[in-house]
Amino acid sequence: MVEPNDVVVGGWDICATPLGDAMKKSKVLDVDLQRQLYDDMQQIVPLPSAFFPSFIAANQRDRADHVLKGSKQEQMDQIRQDIRDFKTRNGCDKVIVLWTANTERFADIQTGVNDTSGNLLAAIGRDEAEISPSTVFAVACVLEGV
């Protein structure tokens, strides 16, 4: 088991809002818990995230002020670098990534695009339209041993 005080939290979001403010705005956690966590959460500012408008609910597009630039391959390469940098900067033995975006549309499985690992890697390199942000993150994590 990992000592709870050794856990380091970080991540990505399409919005640059520090997590304390984001937590208050989302109103998902109990107000008393928010009060207890706010100072620690406010110190965490997410890294820019992958943003492919065709996969994001229309009501989320206005908050997309913190997005990675470039092709899907370039964005995946940046996510991989972010993982390596986070691990090194924080002296982590292991990195665990939890995907929590809940507004991404379903991605169709297409022959030659996302039906095999080889096709998937090639499709990311070609910037295929049916490659979702969650797929880019998942592939980055697999390639980084996360």
Protein backbone atom coordinates (compact mmCIF):
# COMPACT_ATOMS: atom_id res chain seq x y z
CA MET A 1 0.00 0.00 0.00
CA VAL A 2 1.05 3.54 -0.69
CA GLU A 3 1.30 5.89 2.27
CA PRO A 4 -1.64 8.30 1.71
CA ASN A 5 0.57 11.32 2.42
CA ASP A 6 2.83 10.25 -0.46
CA VAL A 7 0.09 10.50 -3.10
CA VAL A 8 0.57 13.42 -5.50
CA VAL A 9 -2.37 14.75 -7.51
CA GLY A 10 -2.13 16.42 -10.90
CA GLY A 11 -3.76 16.20 -14.28
CA TRP A 12 -5.10 17.88 -17.37
CA ASP A 13 -8.21 19.89 -18.17
CA ILE A 14 -9.46 22.00 -21.06
CA CYS A 15 -10.11 24.77 -18.51
CA ALA A 16 -7.25 26.48 -16.64
CA THR A 17 -9.26 27.02 -13.46
CA PRO A 18 -7.39 25.89 -10.33
CA LEU A 19 -9.01 22.78 -8.86
CA GLY A 20 -10.24 24.54 -5.70
CA ASP A 21 -12.34 26.95 -7.74
CA ALA A 22 -13.39 24.19 -10.15
CA MET A 23 -14.49 22.06 -7.20
CA LYS A 24 -16.65 24.88 -5.86
CA LYS A 25 -18.16 25.61 -9.26
CA SER A 26 -19.04 21.99 -9.97
CA LYS A 27 -20.85 21.56 -6.63
CA VAL A 28 -20.21 17.81 -6.70
CA LEU A 29 -18.65 17.52 -3.25
CA ASP A 30 -20.28 18.32 0.07
CA VAL A 31 -19.74 21.96 1.09
CA ASP A 32 -17.96 20.97 4.32
CA LEU A 33 -15.58 18.70 2.39
CA GLN A 34 -14.95 21.50 -0.11
CA ARG A 35 -14.04 23.83 2.74
CA GLN A 36 -11.55 21.26 4.09
CA LEU A 37 -9.95 20.60 0.71
CA TYR A 38 -10.05 24.04 -0.87
CA ASP A 39 -6.56 25.34 0.05
CA ASP A 40 -4.83 22.18 -1.13
CA MET A 41 -6.96 21.88 -4.26
CA GLN A 42 -6.47 25.54 -5.16
CA GLN A 43 -2.73 24.92 -5.49
CA ILE A 44 -3.33 22.43 -8.30
CA VAL A 45 -3.65 23.98 -11.75
CA PRO A 46 -4.31 21.45 -14.52
CA LEU A 47 -2.08 21.06 -17.53
CA PRO A 48 -3.53 21.89 -20.95
CA SER A 49 -5.56 18.98 -22.30
CA ALA A 50 -6.44 17.39 -25.62
CA PHE A 51 -9.47 19.04 -27.14
CA PHE A 52 -11.21 17.73 -30.24
CA PRO A 53 -14.47 19.69 -30.61
CA SER A 54 -16.35 16.89 -32.38
CA PHE A 55 -16.06 14.76 -29.22
CA ILE A 56 -17.04 17.39 -26.65
CA ALA A 57 -20.56 18.39 -25.67
CA ALA A 58 -21.48 21.79 -27.04
CA ASN A 59 -22.04 23.14 -23.51
CA GLN A 60 -18.35 22.47 -22.69
CA ARG A 61 -16.80 24.34 -25.61
CA ASP A 62 -16.94 27.77 -23.97
CA ARG A 63 -14.74 26.57 -21.10
CA ALA A 64 -12.01 25.27 -23.44
CA ASP A 65 -9.39 27.92 -22.69
CA HIS A 66 -6.52 25.57 -21.85
CA VAL A 67 -5.96 23.17 -24.73
CA LEU A 68 -2.99 21.49 -26.31
CA LYS A 69 -1.99 22.65 -29.77
CA GLY A 70 -1.01 20.60 -32.78
CA SER A 71 -2.00 17.32 -34.32
CA LYS A 72 -3.28 14.35 -32.36
CA GLN A 73 0.22 12.85 -32.55
CA GLU A 74 1.75 16.07 -31.19
CA GLN A 75 -0.83 16.22 -28.42
CA MET A 76 -0.20 12.58 -27.49
CA ASP A 77 3.54 13.22 -27.47
CA GLN A 78 2.98 16.17 -25.12
CA ILE A 79 0.80 14.08 -22.79
CA ARG A 80 3.54 11.44 -22.69
CA GLN A 81 6.09 14.14 -21.84
CA ASP A 82 3.74 15.52 -19.17
CA ILE A 83 3.56 12.06 -17.58
CA ARG A 84 7.35 11.69 -17.58
CA ASP A 85 7.85 15.21 -16.21
CA PHE A 86 5.25 14.70 -13.46
CA LYS A 87 6.83 11.43 -12.41
CA THR A 88 10.33 12.95 -12.29
CA ARG A 89 9.32 16.26 -10.67
CA ASN A 90 7.41 14.51 -7.90
CA GLY A 91 9.74 11.53 -7.41
CA CYS A 92 6.92 9.09 -8.15
CA ASP A 93 7.54 5.36 -8.38
CA LYS A 94 4.27 4.87 -10.22
CA VAL A 95 1.77 7.03 -12.06
CA ILE A 96 -1.94 6.23 -12.18
CA VAL A 97 -4.18 8.10 -14.60
CA LEU A 98 -7.94 8.14 -14.08
CA TRP A 99 -10.06 9.28 -17.00
CA THR A 100 -12.90 11.39 -15.60
CA ALA A 101 -14.17 13.40 -18.57
CA ASN A 102 -17.86 12.67 -18.81
CA THR A 103 -18.95 14.61 -21.88
CA GLU A 104 -17.11 12.79 -24.65
CA ARG A 105 -19.22 11.22 -27.38
CA PHE A 106 -18.89 7.59 -28.41
CA ALA A 107 -16.13 6.83 -30.93
CA ASP A 108 -17.03 4.46 -33.75
CA ILE A 109 -14.79 1.43 -34.24
CA GLN A 110 -13.56 1.69 -37.81
CA THR A 111 -11.58 -0.90 -39.72
CA GLY A 112 -8.10 0.42 -40.36
CA VAL A 113 -8.46 3.24 -37.83
CA ASN A 114 -9.01 2.00 -34.29
CA ASP A 115 -9.47 -1.74 -34.65
CA THR A 116 -5.90 -2.84 -33.85
CA SER A 117 -3.03 -1.31 -31.92
CA GLY A 118 -1.00 -0.80 -35.11
CA ASN A 119 -3.88 0.83 -36.92
CA LEU A 120 -4.60 2.99 -33.90
CA LEU A 121 -1.03 4.29 -33.70
CA ALA A 122 -1.02 4.98 -37.44
CA ALA A 123 -4.42 6.72 -37.21
CA ILE A 124 -3.18 9.00 -34.45
CA GLY A 125 -0.22 9.84 -36.69
CA ARG A 126 -2.61 10.62 -39.56
CA ASP A 127 -4.79 12.80 -37.31
CA GLU A 128 -7.86 10.66 -38.04
CA ALA A 129 -11.16 12.30 -37.11
CA GLU A 130 -12.50 9.30 -35.17
CA ILE A 131 -9.65 9.29 -32.64
CA SER A 132 -11.02 10.73 -29.40
CA PRO A 133 -9.23 12.59 -26.60
CA SER A 134 -9.73 9.59 -24.28
CA THR A 135 -8.08 7.36 -26.88
CA VAL A 136 -5.09 9.69 -27.15
CA PHE A 137 -4.75 9.67 -23.35
CA ALA A 138 -5.15 5.89 -23.16
CA VAL A 139 -2.50 5.28 -25.81
CA ALA A 140 -0.12 7.79 -24.17
CA CYS A 141 -0.58 5.98 -20.85
CA VAL A 142 0.03 2.54 -22.37
CA LEU A 143 3.16 3.78 -24.13
CA GLU A 144 4.42 5.29 -20.85
CA GLY A 145 3.68 2.14 -18.84
CA VAL A 146 0.99 3.86 -16.80
